[in-house]
Amino acid sequence: MVKELKLSFELYWGDYSVCASRLRTSLERMMDHFGVAKTRIQKKDAAKDGKRRVLDLSARIDMFANKIGSKEHSETPHALRTIGNLGAHSSKVSQAAVLDAYQLCEMALEDLFKDRGESTKAIIKRLKAHR
């Protein structure tokens, strides 16, 4: 996830579309980080039952929101996916859109990982109590 995000930053001054596309790829890596499945067994169509199908990013984001337990955690990744899709499939990505996407991405990452900082403080406090 970090590698793709850094690559997106590196591409910022060269091509906004490619930059947005790499931001989308970082979303894929975030889904991997949280253990969201990449495939599932087809069950709706009798002719295709039992066959493994690749999940698109939209479906993975929905699964992620269910896993985390908050619909709020699907709106932001879906918005980032949309700008990433524009970058991957067209050249109509503006600088303003990329900057908005970066800001939204930053806020989402802070929200997803903020508890780690709080738990770190609690561990540090417990360790200091052992003096």
N, C-alpha and C. Protein backbone atom coordinates (compact mmCIF):
# COMPACT_ATOMS: atom_id res chain seq x y z
N MET A 1 0.82 -1.18 0.00
CA MET A 1 0.00 0.00 0.00
C MET A 1 0.88 1.26 0.00
N VAL A 2 1.86 1.29 0.88
CA VAL A 2 2.73 2.46 0.99
C VAL A 2 3.52 2.66 -0.30
N LYS A 3 4.00 1.57 -0.87
CA LYS A 3 4.80 1.65 -2.10
C LYS A 3 3.99 2.31 -3.22
N GLU A 4 2.75 1.89 -3.38
CA GLU A 4 1.90 2.45 -4.44
C GLU A 4 1.55 3.91 -4.17
N LEU A 5 1.33 4.23 -2.91
CA LEU A 5 1.03 5.61 -2.56
C LEU A 5 2.22 6.53 -2.83
N LYS A 6 3.41 6.06 -2.47
CA LYS A 6 4.62 6.84 -2.75
C LYS A 6 4.81 7.02 -4.26
N LEU A 7 4.56 5.97 -5.01
CA LEU A 7 4.68 6.06 -6.47
C LEU A 7 3.68 7.07 -7.03
N SER A 8 2.50 7.10 -6.47
CA SER A 8 1.51 8.09 -6.88
C SER A 8 2.03 9.51 -6.63
N PHE A 9 2.63 9.72 -5.46
CA PHE A 9 3.21 11.04 -5.16
C PHE A 9 4.30 11.40 -6.16
N GLU A 10 5.15 10.44 -6.49
CA GLU A 10 6.24 10.69 -7.43
C GLU A 10 5.71 11.09 -8.81
N LEU A 11 4.56 10.56 -9.17
CA LEU A 11 4.00 10.83 -10.50
C LEU A 11 3.15 12.10 -10.55
N TYR A 12 2.95 12.73 -9.41
CA TYR A 12 2.06 13.88 -9.32
C TYR A 12 2.40 14.97 -10.34
N TRP A 13 3.64 15.34 -10.47
CA TRP A 13 4.00 16.43 -11.37
C TRP A 13 4.04 16.01 -12.82
N GLY A 14 4.03 14.70 -13.10
CA GLY A 14 4.15 14.25 -14.47
C GLY A 14 2.83 13.96 -15.16
N ASP A 15 1.92 13.29 -14.47
CA ASP A 15 0.68 12.85 -15.13
C ASP A 15 -0.38 12.60 -14.06
N TYR A 16 -1.40 13.45 -14.00
CA TYR A 16 -2.44 13.32 -12.98
C TYR A 16 -3.24 12.02 -13.13
N SER A 17 -3.43 11.59 -14.36
CA SER A 17 -4.21 10.36 -14.58
C SER A 17 -3.48 9.13 -14.03
N VAL A 18 -2.20 9.03 -14.33
CA VAL A 18 -1.41 7.90 -13.82
C VAL A 18 -1.30 7.99 -12.30
N CYS A 19 -1.18 9.20 -11.81
CA CYS A 19 -1.11 9.44 -10.36
C CYS A 19 -2.39 8.91 -9.69
N ALA A 20 -3.55 9.23 -10.24
CA ALA A 20 -4.83 8.76 -9.71
C ALA A 20 -4.96 7.25 -9.83
N SER A 21 -4.46 6.71 -10.91
CA SER A 21 -4.50 5.26 -11.11
C SER A 21 -3.68 4.54 -10.03
N ARG A 22 -2.53 5.07 -9.70
CA ARG A 22 -1.69 4.48 -8.64
C ARG A 22 -2.35 4.61 -7.27
N LEU A 23 -3.08 5.68 -7.08
CA LEU A 23 -3.83 5.85 -5.84
C LEU A 23 -4.88 4.74 -5.72
N ARG A 24 -5.50 4.41 -6.84
CA ARG A 24 -6.47 3.31 -6.86
C ARG A 24 -5.78 1.98 -6.52
N THR A 25 -4.60 1.76 -7.07
CA THR A 25 -3.84 0.54 -6.78
C THR A 25 -3.50 0.47 -5.30
N SER A 26 -3.23 1.62 -4.68
CA SER A 26 -2.95 1.62 -3.24
C SER A 26 -4.19 1.17 -2.46
N LEU A 27 -5.38 1.46 -2.98
CA LEU A 27 -6.61 0.97 -2.34
C LEU A 27 -6.68 -0.56 -2.40
N GLU A 28 -6.28 -1.11 -3.55
CA GLU A 28 -6.23 -2.57 -3.67
C GLU A 28 -5.30 -3.16 -2.62
N ARG A 29 -4.14 -2.54 -2.44
CA ARG A 29 -3.19 -3.03 -1.44
C ARG A 29 -3.73 -2.87 -0.03
N MET A 30 -4.52 -1.81 0.21
CA MET A 30 -5.13 -1.64 1.52
C MET A 30 -6.12 -2.77 1.80
N MET A 31 -6.88 -3.16 0.78
CA MET A 31 -7.80 -4.29 0.93
C MET A 31 -7.01 -5.56 1.26
N ASP A 32 -5.87 -5.73 0.60
CA ASP A 32 -5.00 -6.89 0.90
C ASP A 32 -4.54 -6.83 2.35
N HIS A 33 -4.12 -5.65 2.80
CA HIS A 33 -3.63 -5.47 4.18
C HIS A 33 -4.67 -5.90 5.21
N PHE A 34 -5.92 -5.58 4.94
CA PHE A 34 -7.00 -5.92 5.87
C PHE A 34 -7.58 -7.31 5.62
N GLY A 35 -6.97 -8.06 4.72
CA GLY A 35 -7.39 -9.44 4.50
C GLY A 35 -8.71 -9.60 3.76
N VAL A 36 -9.08 -8.61 2.96
CA VAL A 36 -10.32 -8.69 2.19
C VAL A 36 -10.07 -9.63 1.00
N ALA A 37 -10.98 -10.58 0.82
CA ALA A 37 -10.83 -11.61 -0.22
C ALA A 37 -10.71 -10.97 -1.61
N LYS A 38 -9.92 -11.65 -2.46
CA LYS A 38 -9.75 -11.21 -3.85
C LYS A 38 -10.67 -11.98 -4.79
N THR A 39 -11.13 -13.15 -4.32
CA THR A 39 -12.00 -14.00 -5.14
C THR A 39 -13.12 -14.56 -4.27
N ARG A 40 -14.13 -15.12 -4.93
CA ARG A 40 -15.19 -15.84 -4.22
C ARG A 40 -15.76 -16.91 -5.14
N ILE A 41 -16.43 -17.86 -4.54
CA ILE A 41 -17.07 -18.93 -5.30
C ILE A 41 -18.41 -18.43 -5.80
N GLN A 42 -18.65 -18.59 -7.10
CA GLN A 42 -19.90 -18.15 -7.72
C GLN A 42 -21.05 -19.02 -7.23
N LYS A 43 -22.15 -18.40 -6.80
CA LYS A 43 -23.28 -19.18 -6.29
C LYS A 43 -24.62 -18.77 -6.89
N LYS A 44 -24.71 -17.63 -7.57
CA LYS A 44 -25.99 -17.13 -8.05
C LYS A 44 -26.45 -17.78 -9.35
N ASP A 45 -25.54 -18.17 -10.20
CA ASP A 45 -25.86 -18.72 -11.52
C ASP A 45 -25.60 -20.22 -11.52
N ALA A 46 -26.64 -20.99 -11.76
CA ALA A 46 -26.50 -22.46 -11.70
C ALA A 46 -25.46 -22.98 -12.68
N ALA A 47 -25.32 -22.33 -13.83
CA ALA A 47 -24.35 -22.77 -14.83
C ALA A 47 -22.91 -22.50 -14.39
N LYS A 48 -22.74 -21.55 -13.49
CA LYS A 48 -21.40 -21.17 -13.05
C LYS A 48 -21.13 -21.53 -11.60
N ASP A 49 -22.08 -22.19 -10.94
CA ASP A 49 -21.90 -22.55 -9.53
C ASP A 49 -20.59 -23.28 -9.29
N GLY A 50 -19.94 -22.91 -8.24
CA GLY A 50 -18.71 -23.58 -7.84
C GLY A 50 -17.45 -23.03 -8.48
N LYS A 51 -17.58 -22.13 -9.43
CA LYS A 51 -16.40 -21.55 -10.08
C LYS A 51 -15.93 -20.33 -9.30
N ARG A 52 -14.63 -20.22 -9.18
CA ARG A 52 -14.04 -19.08 -8.46
C ARG A 52 -13.98 -17.88 -9.40
N ARG A 53 -14.45 -16.74 -8.90
CA ARG A 53 -14.48 -15.50 -9.67
C ARG A 53 -13.68 -14.42 -8.94
N VAL A 54 -12.99 -13.61 -9.71
CA VAL A 54 -12.22 -12.50 -9.16
C VAL A 54 -13.19 -11.38 -8.77
N LEU A 55 -13.00 -10.81 -7.60
CA LEU A 55 -13.82 -9.69 -7.14
C LEU A 55 -13.24 -8.38 -7.64
N ASP A 56 -14.11 -7.49 -8.11
CA ASP A 56 -13.61 -6.17 -8.48
C ASP A 56 -13.41 -5.33 -7.22
N LEU A 57 -12.76 -4.19 -7.37
CA LEU A 57 -12.44 -3.36 -6.21
C LEU A 57 -13.70 -2.88 -5.51
N SER A 58 -14.75 -2.59 -6.24
CA SER A 58 -16.00 -2.14 -5.64
C SER A 58 -16.55 -3.18 -4.66
N ALA A 59 -16.57 -4.43 -5.09
CA ALA A 59 -17.06 -5.51 -4.22
C ALA A 59 -16.15 -5.69 -3.00
N ARG A 60 -14.85 -5.56 -3.21
CA ARG A 60 -13.91 -5.70 -2.09
C ARG A 60 -14.11 -4.57 -1.08
N ILE A 61 -14.37 -3.37 -1.56
CA ILE A 61 -14.62 -2.25 -0.65
C ILE A 61 -15.87 -2.50 0.18
N ASP A 62 -16.92 -3.03 -0.46
CA ASP A 62 -18.14 -3.35 0.28
C ASP A 62 -17.87 -4.41 1.35
N MET A 63 -17.08 -5.41 1.00
CA MET A 63 -16.71 -6.45 1.97
C MET A 63 -15.89 -5.85 3.11
N PHE A 64 -15.01 -4.93 2.77
CA PHE A 64 -14.17 -4.25 3.77
C PHE A 64 -15.06 -3.51 4.77
N ALA A 65 -16.05 -2.78 4.27
CA ALA A 65 -16.95 -2.02 5.16
C ALA A 65 -17.69 -2.97 6.09
N ASN A 66 -18.13 -4.11 5.57
CA ASN A 66 -18.80 -5.10 6.42
C ASN A 66 -17.85 -5.67 7.45
N LYS A 67 -16.62 -5.92 7.05
CA LYS A 67 -15.61 -6.48 7.95
C LYS A 67 -15.28 -5.51 9.08
N ILE A 68 -15.13 -4.24 8.74
CA ILE A 68 -14.81 -3.21 9.72
C ILE A 68 -16.04 -2.88 10.57
N GLY A 69 -17.23 -3.08 9.98
CA GLY A 69 -18.47 -2.83 10.71
C GLY A 69 -18.98 -1.41 10.60
N SER A 70 -18.63 -0.73 9.50
CA SER A 70 -19.07 0.64 9.34
C SER A 70 -19.23 0.99 7.86
N LYS A 71 -20.45 1.38 7.49
CA LYS A 71 -20.71 1.81 6.11
C LYS A 71 -19.89 3.06 5.78
N GLU A 72 -19.58 3.83 6.81
CA GLU A 72 -18.76 5.03 6.65
C GLU A 72 -17.42 4.69 6.00
N HIS A 73 -16.93 3.48 6.26
CA HIS A 73 -15.65 3.06 5.70
C HIS A 73 -15.76 2.53 4.28
N SER A 74 -16.93 2.70 3.66
CA SER A 74 -17.03 2.34 2.25
C SER A 74 -17.16 3.58 1.37
N GLU A 75 -17.71 4.66 1.89
CA GLU A 75 -17.92 5.86 1.08
C GLU A 75 -16.61 6.47 0.62
N THR A 76 -15.65 6.59 1.52
CA THR A 76 -14.36 7.18 1.17
C THR A 76 -13.60 6.33 0.16
N PRO A 77 -13.43 5.02 0.40
CA PRO A 77 -12.73 4.22 -0.61
C PRO A 77 -13.44 4.19 -1.96
N HIS A 78 -14.78 4.23 -1.95
CA HIS A 78 -15.50 4.26 -3.23
C HIS A 78 -15.22 5.57 -3.98
N ALA A 79 -15.14 6.67 -3.26
CA ALA A 79 -14.82 7.95 -3.90
C ALA A 79 -13.40 7.91 -4.48
N LEU A 80 -12.47 7.35 -3.73
CA LEU A 80 -11.09 7.23 -4.22
C LEU A 80 -11.01 6.26 -5.40
N ARG A 81 -11.81 5.21 -5.36
CA ARG A 81 -11.86 4.25 -6.47
C ARG A 81 -12.35 4.95 -7.74
N THR A 82 -13.34 5.81 -7.58
CA THR A 82 -13.90 6.52 -8.73
C THR A 82 -12.86 7.39 -9.42
N ILE A 83 -12.12 8.17 -8.63
CA ILE A 83 -11.08 9.02 -9.23
C ILE A 83 -9.96 8.16 -9.82
N GLY A 84 -9.66 7.04 -9.16
CA GLY A 84 -8.66 6.11 -9.69
C GLY A 84 -9.09 5.50 -11.01
N ASN A 85 -10.39 5.17 -11.11
CA ASN A 85 -10.91 4.62 -12.37
C ASN A 85 -10.81 5.64 -13.49
N LEU A 86 -11.09 6.89 -13.18
CA LEU A 86 -10.94 7.94 -14.20
C LEU A 86 -9.50 8.00 -14.68
N GLY A 87 -8.58 7.89 -13.76
CA GLY A 87 -7.16 7.91 -14.12
C GLY A 87 -6.76 6.71 -14.96
N ALA A 88 -7.32 5.56 -14.63
CA ALA A 88 -6.95 4.33 -15.34
C ALA A 88 -7.60 4.23 -16.72
N HIS A 89 -8.79 4.81 -16.88
CA HIS A 89 -9.54 4.61 -18.12
C HIS A 89 -9.75 5.85 -18.97
N SER A 90 -9.27 6.99 -18.51
CA SER A 90 -9.38 8.20 -19.32
C SER A 90 -8.25 9.15 -18.91
N SER A 91 -8.22 10.30 -19.52
CA SER A 91 -7.18 11.27 -19.17
C SER A 91 -7.81 12.53 -18.60
N LYS A 92 -9.00 12.41 -18.03
CA LYS A 92 -9.73 13.58 -17.55
C LYS A 92 -9.63 13.77 -16.04
N VAL A 93 -8.43 13.70 -15.51
CA VAL A 93 -8.23 13.90 -14.08
C VAL A 93 -7.50 15.23 -13.90
N SER A 94 -8.10 16.10 -13.12
CA SER A 94 -7.51 17.42 -12.89
C SER A 94 -6.60 17.42 -11.67
N GLN A 95 -5.79 18.43 -11.59
CA GLN A 95 -4.91 18.60 -10.43
C GLN A 95 -5.75 18.73 -9.16
N ALA A 96 -6.83 19.49 -9.24
CA ALA A 96 -7.69 19.69 -8.07
C ALA A 96 -8.29 18.37 -7.59
N ALA A 97 -8.67 17.51 -8.53
CA ALA A 97 -9.24 16.21 -8.16
C ALA A 97 -8.21 15.34 -7.46
N VAL A 98 -6.99 15.36 -7.96
CA VAL A 98 -5.92 14.56 -7.34
C VAL A 98 -5.63 15.08 -5.93
N LEU A 99 -5.57 16.39 -5.78
CA LEU A 99 -5.32 16.96 -4.45
C LEU A 99 -6.45 16.63 -3.48
N ASP A 100 -7.69 16.69 -3.95
CA ASP A 100 -8.83 16.29 -3.11
C ASP A 100 -8.72 14.83 -2.72
N ALA A 101 -8.33 13.99 -3.68
CA ALA A 101 -8.19 12.56 -3.42
C ALA A 101 -7.11 12.30 -2.37
N TYR A 102 -5.99 13.00 -2.47
CA TYR A 102 -4.93 12.85 -1.47
C TYR A 102 -5.42 13.26 -0.08
N GLN A 103 -6.15 14.36 -0.02
CA GLN A 103 -6.65 14.83 1.27
C GLN A 103 -7.63 13.81 1.85
N LEU A 104 -8.52 13.29 1.02
CA LEU A 104 -9.48 12.28 1.48
C LEU A 104 -8.77 11.00 1.92
N CYS A 105 -7.75 10.61 1.17
CA CYS A 105 -6.97 9.42 1.51
C CYS A 105 -6.29 9.61 2.86
N GLU A 106 -5.70 10.76 3.08
CA GLU A 106 -5.04 11.04 4.35
C GLU A 106 -6.02 10.94 5.51
N MET A 107 -7.20 11.52 5.35
CA MET A 107 -8.20 11.49 6.41
C MET A 107 -8.66 10.05 6.68
N ALA A 108 -8.82 9.27 5.62
CA ALA A 108 -9.25 7.88 5.78
C ALA A 108 -8.20 7.05 6.51
N LEU A 109 -6.94 7.23 6.14
CA LEU A 109 -5.86 6.49 6.79
C LEU A 109 -5.74 6.87 8.26
N GLU A 110 -5.88 8.15 8.55
CA GLU A 110 -5.85 8.58 9.96
C GLU A 110 -6.99 7.93 10.73
N ASP A 111 -8.16 7.89 10.13
CA ASP A 111 -9.32 7.30 10.79
C ASP A 111 -9.14 5.80 11.02
N LEU A 112 -8.61 5.12 10.03
CA LEU A 112 -8.44 3.67 10.14
C LEU A 112 -7.36 3.26 11.12
N PHE A 113 -6.31 4.07 11.23
CA PHE A 113 -5.16 3.67 12.04
C PHE A 113 -4.97 4.50 13.30
N LYS A 114 -5.91 5.38 13.64
CA LYS A 114 -5.72 6.25 14.79
C LYS A 114 -5.68 5.49 16.11
N ASP A 115 -6.39 4.39 16.22
CA ASP A 115 -6.41 3.64 17.47
C ASP A 115 -5.04 3.08 17.83
N ARG A 116 -4.23 2.84 16.85
CA ARG A 116 -2.89 2.32 17.12
C ARG A 116 -2.09 3.29 17.96
N GLY A 117 -2.21 4.60 17.70
CA GLY A 117 -1.51 5.59 18.48
C GLY A 117 -1.98 5.61 19.93
N GLU A 118 -3.27 5.47 20.12
CA GLU A 118 -3.82 5.46 21.47
C GLU A 118 -3.36 4.21 22.22
N SER A 119 -3.35 3.07 21.59
CA SER A 119 -2.92 1.85 22.27
C SER A 119 -1.42 1.90 22.54
N THR A 120 -0.66 2.56 21.69
CA THR A 120 0.78 2.72 21.92
C THR A 120 1.01 3.52 23.19
N LYS A 121 0.24 4.57 23.38
CA LYS A 121 0.38 5.39 24.59
C LYS A 121 0.07 4.56 25.83
N ALA A 122 -0.94 3.72 25.75
CA ALA A 122 -1.30 2.88 26.90
C ALA A 122 -0.19 1.89 27.23
N ILE A 123 0.42 1.31 26.21
CA ILE A 123 1.52 0.36 26.43
C ILE A 123 2.72 1.07 27.05
N ILE A 124 3.05 2.25 26.53
CA ILE A 124 4.16 3.02 27.07
C ILE A 124 3.93 3.35 28.54
N LYS A 125 2.71 3.74 28.85
CA LYS A 125 2.39 4.06 30.25
C LYS A 125 2.56 2.84 31.15
N ARG A 126 2.12 1.67 30.71
CA ARG A 126 2.27 0.44 31.50
C ARG A 126 3.74 0.08 31.67
N LEU A 127 4.52 0.23 30.61
CA LEU A 127 5.94 -0.09 30.71
C LEU A 127 6.68 0.85 31.66
N LYS A 128 6.33 2.11 31.62
CA LYS A 128 6.96 3.08 32.52
C LYS A 128 6.61 2.79 33.98
N ALA A 129 5.45 2.19 34.21
CA ALA A 129 5.02 1.86 35.57
C ALA A 129 5.89 0.74 36.17
N HIS A 130 6.65 0.02 35.36
CA HIS A 130 7.49 -1.08 35.83
C HIS A 130 8.83 -0.61 36.38
N ARG A 131 9.10 0.64 36.41
CA ARG A 131 10.40 1.15 36.88
C ARG A 131 10.67 0.81 38.31
